[in-house]
Amino acid sequence: MSASPVRAGRVGIVVPMYGRNAVARNRLKRRLRELVRVELLATLGASDVLIRARPDAYRAAFLALRDDIRAIERRVANRPAIT
């Protein structure tokens, strides 16, 4: 997480294959992008966040992924401002 040079926050999502096929990888990317759009972007401010999926994310339910994104949101909200 770092301060963004632009006024709007940005999120990068990295989903390694971990031996999975493209269908599973794309499904996980779509889920994470939607959760970021709904849960995180509105509260992000001017920060850059990089999310890297772990192998267990492929087996996680949507609600578990949502809880993880909300935990990221809390970490971003509690982060001291960089001046």
Protein backbone atom coordinates (compact mmCIF):
# COMPACT_ATOMS: atom_id res chain seq x y z
CA MET A 1 0.00 0.00 0.00
CA SER A 2 1.39 3.42 -0.90
CA ALA A 3 0.27 6.96 -1.55
CA SER A 4 -0.95 7.41 -5.10
CA PRO A 5 0.38 10.25 -7.28
CA VAL A 6 -3.16 10.68 -8.62
CA ARG A 7 -6.16 11.80 -6.58
CA ALA A 8 -8.13 8.56 -7.07
CA GLY A 9 -6.98 5.30 -5.55
CA ARG A 10 -5.85 2.41 -7.71
CA VAL A 11 -5.98 -1.33 -7.12
CA GLY A 12 -3.89 -3.99 -8.81
CA ILE A 13 -4.94 -7.63 -8.60
CA VAL A 14 -2.45 -10.44 -9.16
CA VAL A 15 -3.83 -13.97 -9.51
CA PRO A 16 -1.10 -16.56 -10.15
CA MET A 17 -2.23 -19.82 -11.73
CA TYR A 18 -0.88 -22.13 -8.98
CA GLY A 19 -1.46 -25.10 -11.29
CA ARG A 20 -5.07 -24.15 -12.01
CA ASN A 21 -6.61 -23.73 -15.44
CA ALA A 22 -7.49 -20.41 -17.08
CA VAL A 23 -11.20 -20.79 -16.29
CA ALA A 24 -10.59 -20.99 -12.54
CA ARG A 25 -8.07 -18.14 -12.65
CA ASN A 26 -10.41 -15.85 -14.59
CA ARG A 27 -13.33 -16.67 -12.28
CA LEU A 28 -11.24 -15.69 -9.25
CA LYS A 29 -10.08 -12.47 -10.95
CA ARG A 30 -13.67 -11.52 -11.78
CA ARG A 31 -14.78 -12.17 -8.20
CA LEU A 32 -11.95 -10.11 -6.74
CA ARG A 33 -12.50 -7.23 -9.19
CA GLU A 34 -16.20 -7.07 -8.31
CA LEU A 35 -15.49 -7.15 -4.58
CA VAL A 36 -12.90 -4.39 -4.95
CA ARG A 37 -15.35 -2.31 -6.98
CA VAL A 38 -18.19 -2.71 -4.47
CA GLU A 39 -16.33 -2.82 -1.15
CA LEU A 40 -13.02 -1.00 -1.48
CA LEU A 41 -12.90 1.68 -4.16
CA ALA A 42 -15.28 4.11 -2.47
CA THR A 43 -13.17 4.25 0.69
CA LEU A 44 -9.72 3.96 -0.86
CA GLY A 45 -8.88 7.64 -1.14
CA ALA A 46 -5.58 8.43 -2.84
CA SER A 47 -3.83 5.14 -2.11
CA ASP A 48 -2.50 2.39 -4.32
CA VAL A 49 -3.22 -1.18 -3.21
CA LEU A 50 -1.87 -4.41 -4.67
CA ILE A 51 -3.80 -7.59 -3.93
CA ARG A 52 -2.09 -10.93 -4.57
CA ALA A 53 -4.29 -14.01 -4.36
CA ARG A 54 -2.99 -17.01 -2.46
CA PRO A 55 -3.59 -20.61 -3.55
CA ASP A 56 -6.42 -21.08 -1.03
CA ALA A 57 -8.38 -18.21 -2.64
CA TYR A 58 -9.34 -20.61 -5.45
CA ARG A 59 -11.31 -22.70 -2.94
CA ALA A 60 -12.71 -19.79 -0.92
CA ALA A 61 -16.39 -18.95 -0.99
CA PHE A 62 -17.45 -15.53 -2.27
CA LEU A 63 -18.36 -14.39 1.26
CA ALA A 64 -14.91 -15.40 2.55
CA LEU A 65 -13.30 -13.36 -0.23
CA ARG A 66 -15.57 -10.45 0.70
CA ASP A 67 -14.40 -10.67 4.31
CA ASP A 68 -10.78 -10.56 3.13
CA ILE A 69 -11.45 -7.46 1.01
CA ARG A 70 -13.18 -5.83 3.97
CA ALA A 71 -10.11 -6.56 6.11
CA ILE A 72 -8.00 -4.78 3.48
CA GLU A 73 -10.47 -1.88 3.61
CA ARG A 74 -10.02 -1.61 7.39
CA ARG A 75 -6.24 -1.64 7.03
CA VAL A 76 -6.39 1.14 4.44
CA ALA A 77 -8.79 3.20 6.58
CA ASN A 78 -6.56 2.90 9.67
CA ARG A 79 -3.37 3.73 7.79
CA PRO A 80 -1.77 7.05 8.82
CA ALA A 81 -1.67 9.70 6.11
CA ILE A 82 1.64 10.15 4.30
CA THR A 83 2.62 13.77 3.86
